[in-house]
Amino acid sequence: MTTPGTATAPVQTYPLGTRVAVEALGSFFVVFAGLATALFNSSGSASTVGFAYGLALLAVIVAFGHISGGYFNPAFSLGMAVAGRIKWLAAVLYMVAQAVGGMIAAVVIYALIKVLPAGSTPAISKLFGSLANGFDSHSPSQVPMVGVLIVDVVATAVIVGIILAATSARNKTVLAPIAIGLAFAVAVTVTMPLSNGSLNPARSIAVVFLADSWALGQLWLFWLAPLFGAALAAAIYRSFQPVVHAVVEPDDTAAADAETSAVEEAEDDGALPKPVPAAKSHQVSESGAGKDDAQEFFDKPQK
């Protein structure tokens, strides 16, 4: 809360190009960490892969969240736009950058596989096919399309709800990155046996061009379900936003209006609170009214 007569330092924002590049970089790391863990970790268990995704997301949020807001997932970007946290232009550019970052991660993994000794890995299409998201016969547990659709919509909606609540300007906790990373890790762990785990369209599209043709044919569901779940959660969250009522004293109207405006607008730009303008100080009239008696004594001419 800003008191009258005190100034607040302005919040600096980064250029849109910088934010888009950071979103691509963060998406690259998240997708790379998850896919590489699934491929090269000896256990390859669902909990291990889910933990890798969650830790990677936590790391990039902590490192780059102050630059771009820290989304690194097209579904999260769409959810923030629907919730009014970011502008639609930025959200679309973020989504494209995140998808590109994910595909670059797959290309890097492809390059790593190519330098391994011959015969130590199966065919590239089979290898990336094992990483692709799928339903029906391509699901690890033979889950039908409707089952995968429901699970992905619900899981993504829950994660986006956690993100919106944890990063709200009214939430004073500093543990939001941990909450988001853990929620994502748990959700991926749950969906791994069902569809190979994704909840991230950038991760889903990353491997389809290196996998068998069926992966591209089923990609639509792993874009539709997370995006729909994220938009649904954001719309519900926005409909329940509280109304701010300001109780002001007659002499403090300007400060209260500024503070109320800041609270209402703080949900924008990744829930980073905006500076509250300081209230205008009372002006001293030209006739000298309100002048301090001691100052008047020293200022008047001495006889």
C-alpha atoms as a PDB file:
ATOM      1  CA  MET A   1       0.000   0.000   0.000  1.00  0.00           C
ATOM      2  CA  THR A   2       1.352   3.409  -0.962  1.00  0.00           C
ATOM      3  CA  THR A   3       1.016   6.272   1.484  1.00  0.00           C
ATOM      4  CA  PRO A   4       0.431   9.874   0.356  1.00  0.00           C
ATOM      5  CA  GLY A   5       3.597  11.726  -0.529  1.00  0.00           C
ATOM      6  CA  THR A   6       5.698   8.628  -1.317  1.00  0.00           C
ATOM      7  CA  ALA A   7       6.851   7.694  -4.808  1.00  0.00           C
ATOM      8  CA  THR A   8       6.859   4.195  -6.284  1.00  0.00           C
ATOM      9  CA  ALA A   9       9.496   2.993  -8.738  1.00  0.00           C
ATOM     10  CA  PRO A  10       7.999   2.108 -12.137  1.00  0.00           C
ATOM     11  CA  VAL A  11       7.775  -1.544 -13.191  1.00  0.00           C
ATOM     12  CA  GLN A  12      10.035  -2.177 -16.178  1.00  0.00           C
ATOM     13  CA  THR A  13       8.738  -4.350 -19.025  1.00  0.00           C
ATOM     14  CA  TYR A  14      10.811  -6.149 -21.649  1.00  0.00           C
ATOM     15  CA  PRO A  15      10.280  -5.741 -25.409  1.00  0.00           C
ATOM     16  CA  LEU A  16       7.817  -8.176 -26.974  1.00  0.00           C
ATOM     17  CA  GLY A  17      10.578  -9.753 -29.059  1.00  0.00           C
ATOM     18  CA  THR A  18      12.584 -10.532 -25.944  1.00  0.00           C
ATOM     19  CA  ARG A  19       9.575 -12.070 -24.227  1.00  0.00           C
ATOM     20  CA  VAL A  20       8.764 -14.228 -27.251  1.00  0.00           C
ATOM     21  CA  ALA A  21      12.365 -15.459 -27.460  1.00  0.00           C
ATOM     22  CA  VAL A  22      12.371 -16.308 -23.756  1.00  0.00           C
ATOM     23  CA  GLU A  23       9.138 -18.281 -24.145  1.00  0.00           C
ATOM     24  CA  ALA A  24      10.735 -20.291 -26.959  1.00  0.00           C
ATOM     25  CA  LEU A  25      13.828 -20.939 -24.845  1.00  0.00           C
ATOM     26  CA  GLY A  26      11.824 -22.031 -21.823  1.00  0.00           C
ATOM     27  CA  SER A  27       9.616 -24.295 -23.932  1.00  0.00           C
ATOM     28  CA  PHE A  28      12.733 -25.845 -25.463  1.00  0.00           C
ATOM     29  CA  PHE A  29      14.125 -26.727 -22.057  1.00  0.00           C
ATOM     30  CA  VAL A  30      10.864 -28.162 -20.697  1.00  0.00           C
ATOM     31  CA  VAL A  31      10.281 -30.364 -23.757  1.00  0.00           C
ATOM     32  CA  PHE A  32      13.922 -31.408 -23.959  1.00  0.00           C
ATOM     33  CA  ALA A  33      14.029 -32.379 -20.286  1.00  0.00           C
ATOM     34  CA  GLY A  34      10.877 -34.482 -20.526  1.00  0.00           C
ATOM     35  CA  LEU A  35      11.657 -36.235 -23.802  1.00  0.00           C
ATOM     36  CA  ALA A  36      15.285 -36.893 -22.928  1.00  0.00           C
ATOM     37  CA  THR A  37      14.295 -38.341 -19.559  1.00  0.00           C
ATOM     38  CA  ALA A  38      11.765 -40.634 -21.213  1.00  0.00           C
ATOM     39  CA  LEU A  39      14.348 -41.815 -23.768  1.00  0.00           C
ATOM     40  CA  PHE A  40      17.597 -42.048 -21.875  1.00  0.00           C
ATOM     41  CA  ASN A  41      16.554 -42.749 -18.293  1.00  0.00           C
ATOM     42  CA  SER A  42      16.919 -46.459 -17.543  1.00  0.00           C
ATOM     43  CA  SER A  43      13.736 -46.667 -15.480  1.00  0.00           C
ATOM     44  CA  GLY A  44      11.524 -44.552 -17.759  1.00  0.00           C
ATOM     45  CA  SER A  45       8.759 -44.690 -15.148  1.00  0.00           C
ATOM     46  CA  ALA A  46       5.826 -42.296 -15.298  1.00  0.00           C
ATOM     47  CA  SER A  47       6.779 -40.644 -12.016  1.00  0.00           C
ATOM     48  CA  THR A  48      10.351 -40.032 -13.192  1.00  0.00           C
ATOM     49  CA  VAL A  49       9.238 -38.424 -16.453  1.00  0.00           C
ATOM     50  CA  GLY A  50       6.553 -36.387 -14.710  1.00  0.00           C
ATOM     51  CA  PHE A  51       9.066 -35.185 -12.133  1.00  0.00           C
ATOM     52  CA  ALA A  52      11.428 -34.134 -14.940  1.00  0.00           C
ATOM     53  CA  TYR A  53       8.718 -32.070 -16.627  1.00  0.00           C
ATOM     54  CA  GLY A  54       7.703 -30.457 -13.344  1.00  0.00           C
ATOM     55  CA  LEU A  55      11.263 -29.614 -12.297  1.00  0.00           C
ATOM     56  CA  ALA A  56      12.071 -28.175 -15.719  1.00  0.00           C
ATOM     57  CA  LEU A  57       8.950 -26.003 -15.645  1.00  0.00           C
ATOM     58  CA  LEU A  58       9.780 -24.829 -12.124  1.00  0.00           C
ATOM     59  CA  ALA A  59      13.320 -23.921 -13.191  1.00  0.00           C
ATOM     60  CA  VAL A  60      12.323 -21.835 -16.211  1.00  0.00           C
ATOM     61  CA  ILE A  61       9.550 -20.048 -14.309  1.00  0.00           C
ATOM     62  CA  VAL A  62      12.013 -19.014 -11.617  1.00  0.00           C
ATOM     63  CA  ALA A  63      14.665 -18.027 -14.181  1.00  0.00           C
ATOM     64  CA  PHE A  64      12.564 -16.308 -16.853  1.00  0.00           C
ATOM     65  CA  GLY A  65       9.180 -15.632 -15.278  1.00  0.00           C
ATOM     66  CA  HIS A  66      10.070 -12.009 -14.546  1.00  0.00           C
ATOM     67  CA  ILE A  67      10.714 -11.419 -18.255  1.00  0.00           C
ATOM     68  CA  SER A  68       7.716 -12.937 -20.029  1.00  0.00           C
ATOM     69  CA  GLY A  69       5.403 -14.031 -17.224  1.00  0.00           C
ATOM     70  CA  GLY A  70       6.618 -17.629 -17.454  1.00  0.00           C
ATOM     71  CA  TYR A  71       4.091 -19.724 -19.425  1.00  0.00           C
ATOM     72  CA  PHE A  72       6.151 -22.029 -21.696  1.00  0.00           C
ATOM     73  CA  ASN A  73       3.064 -23.945 -22.814  1.00  0.00           C
ATOM     74  CA  PRO A  74       0.532 -22.908 -25.489  1.00  0.00           C
ATOM     75  CA  ALA A  75      -2.348 -24.008 -23.273  1.00  0.00           C
ATOM     76  CA  PHE A  76      -1.123 -21.807 -20.416  1.00  0.00           C
ATOM     77  CA  SER A  77      -0.679 -18.847 -22.771  1.00  0.00           C
ATOM     78  CA  LEU A  78      -4.236 -19.211 -24.065  1.00  0.00           C
ATOM     79  CA  GLY A  79      -5.573 -19.496 -20.530  1.00  0.00           C
ATOM     80  CA  MET A  80      -3.809 -16.297 -19.461  1.00  0.00           C
ATOM     81  CA  ALA A  81      -5.211 -14.449 -22.478  1.00  0.00           C
ATOM     82  CA  VAL A  82      -8.766 -15.600 -21.748  1.00  0.00           C
ATOM     83  CA  ALA A  83      -8.296 -14.578 -18.115  1.00  0.00           C
ATOM     84  CA  GLY A  84      -7.151 -11.114 -19.214  1.00  0.00           C
ATOM     85  CA  ARG A  85      -3.617 -11.481 -17.886  1.00  0.00           C
ATOM     86  CA  ILE A  86      -1.855 -10.941 -21.223  1.00  0.00           C
ATOM     87  CA  LYS A  87      -2.752  -9.358 -24.552  1.00  0.00           C
ATOM     88  CA  TRP A  88      -4.007 -11.608 -27.329  1.00  0.00           C
ATOM     89  CA  LEU A  89      -1.196 -10.644 -29.715  1.00  0.00           C
ATOM     90  CA  ALA A  90       1.404 -11.624 -27.143  1.00  0.00           C
ATOM     91  CA  ALA A  91      -0.449 -14.865 -26.419  1.00  0.00           C
ATOM     92  CA  VAL A  92      -0.498 -15.893 -30.100  1.00  0.00           C
ATOM     93  CA  LEU A  93       3.198 -15.094 -30.529  1.00  0.00           C
ATOM     94  CA  TYR A  94       3.993 -16.990 -27.333  1.00  0.00           C
ATOM     95  CA  MET A  95       2.120 -20.047 -28.594  1.00  0.00           C
ATOM     96  CA  VAL A  96       4.005 -20.056 -31.893  1.00  0.00           C
ATOM     97  CA  ALA A  97       7.350 -19.569 -30.143  1.00  0.00           C
ATOM     98  CA  GLN A  98       6.603 -22.341 -27.664  1.00  0.00           C
ATOM     99  CA  ALA A  99       5.754 -24.775 -30.456  1.00  0.00           C
ATOM    100  CA  VAL A 100       8.954 -23.861 -32.296  1.00  0.00           C
ATOM    101  CA  GLY A 101      10.988 -24.302 -29.108  1.00  0.00           C
ATOM    102  CA  GLY A 102       9.500 -27.755 -28.588  1.00  0.00           C
ATOM    103  CA  MET A 103      10.301 -28.844 -32.145  1.00  0.00           C
ATOM    104  CA  ILE A 104      13.881 -27.620 -31.790  1.00  0.00           C
ATOM    105  CA  ALA A 105      14.178 -29.769 -28.657  1.00  0.00           C
ATOM    106  CA  ALA A 106      13.077 -32.815 -30.672  1.00  0.00           C
ATOM    107  CA  VAL A 107      15.635 -31.998 -33.385  1.00  0.00           C
ATOM    108  CA  VAL A 108      18.411 -31.798 -30.770  1.00  0.00           C
ATOM    109  CA  ILE A 109      17.377 -35.198 -29.383  1.00  0.00           C
ATOM    110  CA  TYR A 110      17.346 -36.558 -32.934  1.00  0.00           C
ATOM    111  CA  ALA A 111      20.910 -35.312 -33.394  1.00  0.00           C
ATOM    112  CA  LEU A 112      21.960 -36.983 -30.134  1.00  0.00           C
ATOM    113  CA  ILE A 113      20.458 -40.282 -31.278  1.00  0.00           C
ATOM    114  CA  LYS A 114      22.257 -40.083 -34.618  1.00  0.00           C
ATOM    115  CA  VAL A 115      25.691 -39.906 -32.944  1.00  0.00           C
ATOM    116  CA  LEU A 116      25.050 -42.960 -30.771  1.00  0.00           C
ATOM    117  CA  PRO A 117      26.706 -46.232 -31.839  1.00  0.00           C
ATOM    118  CA  ALA A 118      24.922 -48.033 -34.669  1.00  0.00           C
ATOM    119  CA  GLY A 119      22.516 -50.691 -33.482  1.00  0.00           C
ATOM    120  CA  SER A 120      22.192 -49.266 -29.966  1.00  0.00           C
ATOM    121  CA  THR A 121      18.822 -47.649 -30.729  1.00  0.00           C
ATOM    122  CA  PRO A 122      15.788 -48.723 -32.775  1.00  0.00           C
ATOM    123  CA  ALA A 123      14.625 -46.953 -35.917  1.00  0.00           C
ATOM    124  CA  ILE A 124      14.032 -43.235 -35.510  1.00  0.00           C
ATOM    125  CA  SER A 125      10.341 -43.457 -36.414  1.00  0.00           C
ATOM    126  CA  LYS A 126       9.769 -46.214 -33.859  1.00  0.00           C
ATOM    127  CA  LEU A 127      11.743 -44.365 -31.216  1.00  0.00           C
ATOM    128  CA  PHE A 128       9.836 -41.114 -31.590  1.00  0.00           C
ATOM    129  CA  GLY A 129       6.620 -43.055 -32.029  1.00  0.00           C
ATOM    130  CA  SER A 130       7.126 -44.350 -28.498  1.00  0.00           C
ATOM    131  CA  LEU A 131       7.196 -40.735 -27.327  1.00  0.00           C
ATOM    132  CA  ALA A 132       4.202 -39.518 -29.330  1.00  0.00           C
ATOM    133  CA  ASN A 133       0.849 -39.006 -27.664  1.00  0.00           C
ATOM    134  CA  GLY A 134      -1.893 -41.364 -28.750  1.00  0.00           C
ATOM    135  CA  PHE A 135      -5.253 -42.925 -27.979  1.00  0.00           C
ATOM    136  CA  ASP A 136      -7.022 -46.198 -28.791  1.00  0.00           C
ATOM    137  CA  SER A 137      -4.410 -48.701 -30.003  1.00  0.00           C
ATOM    138  CA  HIS A 138      -1.615 -46.148 -29.634  1.00  0.00           C
ATOM    139  CA  SER A 139      -2.365 -45.496 -25.973  1.00  0.00           C
ATOM    140  CA  PRO A 140      -0.056 -47.334 -23.540  1.00  0.00           C
ATOM    141  CA  SER A 141      -3.194 -48.554 -21.736  1.00  0.00           C
ATOM    142  CA  GLN A 142      -5.441 -48.778 -24.826  1.00  0.00           C
ATOM    143  CA  VAL A 143      -7.580 -45.886 -23.575  1.00  0.00           C
ATOM    144  CA  PRO A 144     -10.220 -44.782 -26.123  1.00  0.00           C
ATOM    145  CA  MET A 145     -10.313 -41.296 -27.576  1.00  0.00           C
ATOM    146  CA  VAL A 146     -13.134 -40.059 -25.320  1.00  0.00           C
ATOM    147  CA  GLY A 147     -11.276 -41.136 -22.185  1.00  0.00           C
ATOM    148  CA  VAL A 148      -8.065 -39.365 -23.197  1.00  0.00           C
ATOM    149  CA  LEU A 149     -10.040 -36.261 -24.198  1.00  0.00           C
ATOM    150  CA  ILE A 150     -11.798 -36.036 -20.830  1.00  0.00           C
ATOM    151  CA  VAL A 151      -8.628 -36.597 -18.806  1.00  0.00           C
ATOM    152  CA  ASP A 152      -6.593 -34.040 -20.760  1.00  0.00           C
ATOM    153  CA  VAL A 153      -9.320 -31.380 -20.555  1.00  0.00           C
ATOM    154  CA  VAL A 154      -9.802 -31.846 -16.810  1.00  0.00           C
ATOM    155  CA  ALA A 155      -6.085 -32.067 -15.979  1.00  0.00           C
ATOM    156  CA  THR A 156      -5.199 -28.952 -17.974  1.00  0.00           C
ATOM    157  CA  ALA A 157      -8.122 -27.029 -16.490  1.00  0.00           C
ATOM    158  CA  VAL A 158      -6.964 -27.883 -12.965  1.00  0.00           C
ATOM    159  CA  ILE A 159      -3.386 -26.776 -13.691  1.00  0.00           C
ATOM    160  CA  VAL A 160      -4.513 -23.482 -15.232  1.00  0.00           C
ATOM    161  CA  GLY A 161      -6.771 -22.869 -12.251  1.00  0.00           C
ATOM    162  CA  ILE A 162      -3.780 -23.403  -9.952  1.00  0.00           C
ATOM    163  CA  ILE A 163      -1.664 -21.027 -12.035  1.00  0.00           C
ATOM    164  CA  LEU A 164      -4.300 -18.296 -11.968  1.00  0.00           C
ATOM    165  CA  ALA A 165      -4.854 -18.607  -8.227  1.00  0.00           C
ATOM    166  CA  ALA A 166      -1.181 -18.902  -7.311  1.00  0.00           C
ATOM    167  CA  THR A 167      -0.150 -15.869  -9.390  1.00  0.00           C
ATOM    168  CA  SER A 168      -3.070 -13.634  -8.465  1.00  0.00           C
ATOM    169  CA  ALA A 169      -2.106 -10.195  -7.209  1.00  0.00           C
ATOM    170  CA  ARG A 170      -4.197 -10.930  -4.117  1.00  0.00           C
ATOM    171  CA  ASN A 171      -2.112 -14.016  -3.328  1.00  0.00           C
ATOM    172  CA  LYS A 172       0.945 -12.881  -1.384  1.00  0.00           C
ATOM    173  CA  THR A 173       2.761 -16.219  -1.444  1.00  0.00           C
ATOM    174  CA  VAL A 174       6.172 -16.515  -3.099  1.00  0.00           C
ATOM    175  CA  LEU A 175       5.756 -20.241  -3.707  1.00  0.00           C
ATOM    176  CA  ALA A 176       3.774 -19.978  -6.948  1.00  0.00           C
ATOM    177  CA  PRO A 177       6.529 -21.545  -9.138  1.00  0.00           C
ATOM    178  CA  ILE A 178       6.746 -24.543  -6.808  1.00  0.00           C
ATOM    179  CA  ALA A 179       2.979 -25.019  -6.811  1.00  0.00           C
ATOM    180  CA  ILE A 180       2.836 -24.833 -10.612  1.00  0.00           C
ATOM    181  CA  GLY A 181       5.785 -27.182 -11.114  1.00  0.00           C
ATOM    182  CA  LEU A 182       4.412 -29.774  -8.677  1.00  0.00           C
ATOM    183  CA  ALA A 183       0.924 -29.596 -10.187  1.00  0.00           C
ATOM    184  CA  PHE A 184       2.315 -30.123 -13.666  1.00  0.00           C
ATOM    185  CA  ALA A 185       4.507 -33.018 -12.505  1.00  0.00           C
ATOM    186  CA  VAL A 186       1.558 -34.784 -10.874  1.00  0.00           C
ATOM    187  CA  ALA A 187      -0.705 -34.248 -13.890  1.00  0.00           C
ATOM    188  CA  VAL A 188       1.877 -35.587 -16.352  1.00  0.00           C
ATOM    189  CA  THR A 189       2.488 -38.595 -14.102  1.00  0.00           C
ATOM    190  CA  VAL A 190      -1.239 -39.350 -14.109  1.00  0.00           C
ATOM    191  CA  THR A 191      -1.582 -39.055 -17.894  1.00  0.00           C
ATOM    192  CA  MET A 192       1.591 -40.952 -18.825  1.00  0.00           C
ATOM    193  CA  PRO A 193      -0.040 -44.433 -18.739  1.00  0.00           C
ATOM    194  CA  LEU A 194      -3.060 -43.110 -20.617  1.00  0.00           C
ATOM    195  CA  SER A 195      -1.603 -41.141 -23.537  1.00  0.00           C
ATOM    196  CA  ASN A 196       2.162 -40.864 -22.916  1.00  0.00           C
ATOM    197  CA  GLY A 197       1.570 -37.664 -20.966  1.00  0.00           C
ATOM    198  CA  SER A 198       1.648 -34.192 -22.430  1.00  0.00           C
ATOM    199  CA  LEU A 199      -0.868 -31.489 -21.428  1.00  0.00           C
ATOM    200  CA  ASN A 200       1.393 -29.338 -23.575  1.00  0.00           C
ATOM    201  CA  PRO A 201       0.659 -28.865 -27.302  1.00  0.00           C
ATOM    202  CA  ALA A 202       4.281 -27.815 -27.876  1.00  0.00           C
ATOM    203  CA  ARG A 203       5.486 -31.158 -26.520  1.00  0.00           C
ATOM    204  CA  SER A 204       2.870 -33.044 -28.557  1.00  0.00           C
ATOM    205  CA  ILE A 205       3.805 -31.456 -31.877  1.00  0.00           C
ATOM    206  CA  ALA A 206       7.531 -31.767 -31.221  1.00  0.00           C
ATOM    207  CA  VAL A 207       7.794 -35.467 -32.053  1.00  0.00           C
ATOM    208  CA  VAL A 208       5.077 -36.128 -34.640  1.00  0.00           C
ATOM    209  CA  PHE A 209       7.201 -35.243 -37.680  1.00  0.00           C
ATOM    210  CA  LEU A 210       9.844 -37.776 -36.633  1.00  0.00           C
ATOM    211  CA  ALA A 211       7.386 -40.523 -35.658  1.00  0.00           C
ATOM    212  CA  ASP A 212       5.168 -42.840 -37.696  1.00  0.00           C
ATOM    213  CA  SER A 213       2.290 -41.297 -39.662  1.00  0.00           C
ATOM    214  CA  TRP A 214      -0.359 -42.206 -37.060  1.00  0.00           C
ATOM    215  CA  ALA A 215       1.103 -39.655 -34.630  1.00  0.00           C
ATOM    216  CA  LEU A 216       0.314 -36.738 -36.932  1.00  0.00           C
ATOM    217  CA  GLY A 217      -3.192 -38.069 -37.467  1.00  0.00           C
ATOM    218  CA  GLN A 218      -3.922 -38.067 -33.717  1.00  0.00           C
ATOM    219  CA  LEU A 219      -2.189 -34.767 -32.946  1.00  0.00           C
ATOM    220  CA  TRP A 220      -5.446 -32.777 -33.138  1.00  0.00           C
ATOM    221  CA  LEU A 221      -6.714 -34.177 -29.833  1.00  0.00           C
ATOM    222  CA  PHE A 222      -3.558 -33.177 -27.952  1.00  0.00           C
ATOM    223  CA  TRP A 223      -3.979 -29.592 -29.107  1.00  0.00           C
ATOM    224  CA  LEU A 224      -7.747 -29.398 -28.745  1.00  0.00           C
ATOM    225  CA  ALA A 225      -8.043 -30.896 -25.260  1.00  0.00           C
ATOM    226  CA  PRO A 226      -5.381 -28.784 -23.456  1.00  0.00           C
ATOM    227  CA  LEU A 227      -6.449 -25.561 -25.178  1.00  0.00           C
ATOM    228  CA  PHE A 228     -10.114 -26.154 -24.407  1.00  0.00           C
ATOM    229  CA  GLY A 229      -9.375 -27.095 -20.786  1.00  0.00           C
ATOM    230  CA  ALA A 230      -7.216 -24.009 -20.298  1.00  0.00           C
ATOM    231  CA  ALA A 231      -9.793 -21.651 -21.837  1.00  0.00           C
ATOM    232  CA  LEU A 232     -12.587 -23.204 -19.786  1.00  0.00           C
ATOM    233  CA  ALA A 233     -10.698 -22.828 -16.501  1.00  0.00           C
ATOM    234  CA  ALA A 234      -9.756 -19.226 -17.310  1.00  0.00           C
ATOM    235  CA  ALA A 235     -13.331 -18.290 -18.206  1.00  0.00           C
ATOM    236  CA  ILE A 236     -14.666 -19.806 -14.977  1.00  0.00           C
ATOM    237  CA  TYR A 237     -11.947 -18.111 -12.919  1.00  0.00           C
ATOM    238  CA  ARG A 238     -12.634 -14.735 -14.505  1.00  0.00           C
ATOM    239  CA  SER A 239     -16.364 -15.001 -13.812  1.00  0.00           C
ATOM    240  CA  PHE A 240     -15.659 -15.387 -10.087  1.00  0.00           C
ATOM    241  CA  GLN A 241     -13.366 -12.365  -9.742  1.00  0.00           C
ATOM    242  CA  PRO A 242     -14.359 -10.288  -6.673  1.00  0.00           C
ATOM    243  CA  VAL A 243     -15.575  -6.719  -6.972  1.00  0.00           C
ATOM    244  CA  VAL A 244     -13.338  -4.175  -5.256  1.00  0.00           C
ATOM    245  CA  HIS A 245     -15.153  -1.711  -3.011  1.00  0.00           C
ATOM    246  CA  ALA A 246     -13.110   1.174  -1.666  1.00  0.00           C
ATOM    247  CA  VAL A 247     -14.017   2.922   1.606  1.00  0.00           C
ATOM    248  CA  VAL A 248     -12.368   6.337   1.584  1.00  0.00           C
ATOM    249  CA  GLU A 249     -12.009   9.274   3.889  1.00  0.00           C
ATOM    250  CA  PRO A 250     -12.750  12.713   2.398  1.00  0.00           C
ATOM    251  CA  ASP A 251      -9.105  13.828   2.590  1.00  0.00           C
ATOM    252  CA  ASP A 252      -7.678  10.616   1.099  1.00  0.00           C
ATOM    253  CA  THR A 253      -9.816  10.180  -2.022  1.00  0.00           C
ATOM    254  CA  ALA A 254      -6.971  10.458  -4.540  1.00  0.00           C
ATOM    255  CA  ALA A 255      -4.817   7.854  -2.799  1.00  0.00           C
ATOM    256  CA  ALA A 256      -7.717   5.420  -2.413  1.00  0.00           C
ATOM    257  CA  ASP A 257      -8.756   5.777  -6.066  1.00  0.00           C
ATOM    258  CA  ALA A 258      -5.203   5.092  -7.207  1.00  0.00           C
ATOM    259  CA  GLU A 259      -4.888   2.068  -4.953  1.00  0.00           C
ATOM    260  CA  THR A 260      -8.244   0.617  -6.068  1.00  0.00           C
ATOM    261  CA  SER A 261      -7.280   1.066  -9.725  1.00  0.00           C
ATOM    262  CA  ALA A 262      -3.994  -0.717  -9.112  1.00  0.00           C
ATOM    263  CA  VAL A 263      -5.733  -3.673  -7.463  1.00  0.00           C
ATOM    264  CA  GLU A 264      -8.210  -4.009 -10.318  1.00  0.00           C
ATOM    265  CA  GLU A 265      -5.468  -3.874 -12.966  1.00  0.00           C
ATOM    266  CA  ALA A 266      -2.909  -6.001 -11.155  1.00  0.00           C
ATOM    267  CA  GLU A 267      -4.220  -9.183 -12.768  1.00  0.00           C
ATOM    268  CA  ASP A 268      -2.733  -8.052 -16.100  1.00  0.00           C
ATOM    269  CA  ASP A 269       0.801  -8.703 -17.284  1.00  0.00           C
ATOM    270  CA  GLY A 270       1.260 -12.007 -15.538  1.00  0.00           C
ATOM    271  CA  ALA A 271      -0.230 -10.804 -12.265  1.00  0.00           C
ATOM    272  CA  LEU A 272       2.697  -8.523 -11.554  1.00  0.00           C
ATOM    273  CA  PRO A 273       1.411  -5.659  -9.389  1.00  0.00           C
ATOM    274  CA  LYS A 274       1.566  -2.294 -11.074  1.00  0.00           C
ATOM    275  CA  PRO A 275       2.923   0.753  -9.275  1.00  0.00           C
ATOM    276  CA  VAL A 276       0.369   2.838  -7.419  1.00  0.00           C
ATOM    277  CA  PRO A 277       0.694   6.582  -8.148  1.00  0.00           C
ATOM    278  CA  ALA A 278       1.369   8.618  -5.059  1.00  0.00           C
ATOM    279  CA  ALA A 279      -1.392  10.981  -3.975  1.00  0.00           C
ATOM    280  CA  LYS A 280      -0.853  14.635  -4.707  1.00  0.00           C
ATOM    281  CA  SER A 281       0.375  16.524  -1.726  1.00  0.00           C
ATOM    282  CA  HIS A 282      -1.584  19.509  -0.473  1.00  0.00           C
ATOM    283  CA  GLN A 283      -0.465  22.690  -2.229  1.00  0.00           C
ATOM    284  CA  VAL A 284       0.499  25.771  -0.289  1.00  0.00           C
ATOM    285  CA  SER A 285      -1.391  28.855  -1.413  1.00  0.00           C
ATOM    286  CA  GLU A 286       0.420  31.881  -2.710  1.00  0.00           C
ATOM    287  CA  SER A 287      -0.854  33.971   0.205  1.00  0.00           C
ATOM    288  CA  GLY A 288       1.247  31.902   2.612  1.00  0.00           C
ATOM    289  CA  ALA A 289      -1.622  29.986   4.269  1.00  0.00           C
ATOM    290  CA  GLY A 290      -0.406  26.858   6.050  1.00  0.00           C
ATOM    291  CA  LYS A 291       3.232  28.071   6.227  1.00  0.00           C
ATOM    292  CA  ASP A 292       5.161  26.859   9.273  1.00  0.00           C
ATOM    293  CA  ASP A 293       5.524  29.542  11.983  1.00  0.00           C
ATOM    294  CA  ALA A 294       9.222  28.817  12.591  1.00  0.00           C
ATOM    295  CA  GLN A 295      10.000  29.016   8.862  1.00  0.00           C
ATOM    296  CA  GLU A 296       8.121  32.345   8.649  1.00  0.00           C
ATOM    297  CA  PHE A 297      10.195  33.699  11.551  1.00  0.00           C
ATOM    298  CA  PHE A 298      13.499  32.937   9.809  1.00  0.00           C
ATOM    299  CA  ASP A 299      12.313  34.072   6.388  1.00  0.00           C
ATOM    300  CA  LYS A 300      11.025  37.530   7.370  1.00  0.00           C
ATOM    301  CA  PRO A 301      13.451  40.469   7.178  1.00  0.00           C
ATOM    302  CA  GLN A 302      15.182  41.314  10.412  1.00  0.00           C
ATOM    303  CA  LYS A 303      14.792  44.869  11.621  1.00  0.00           C
END
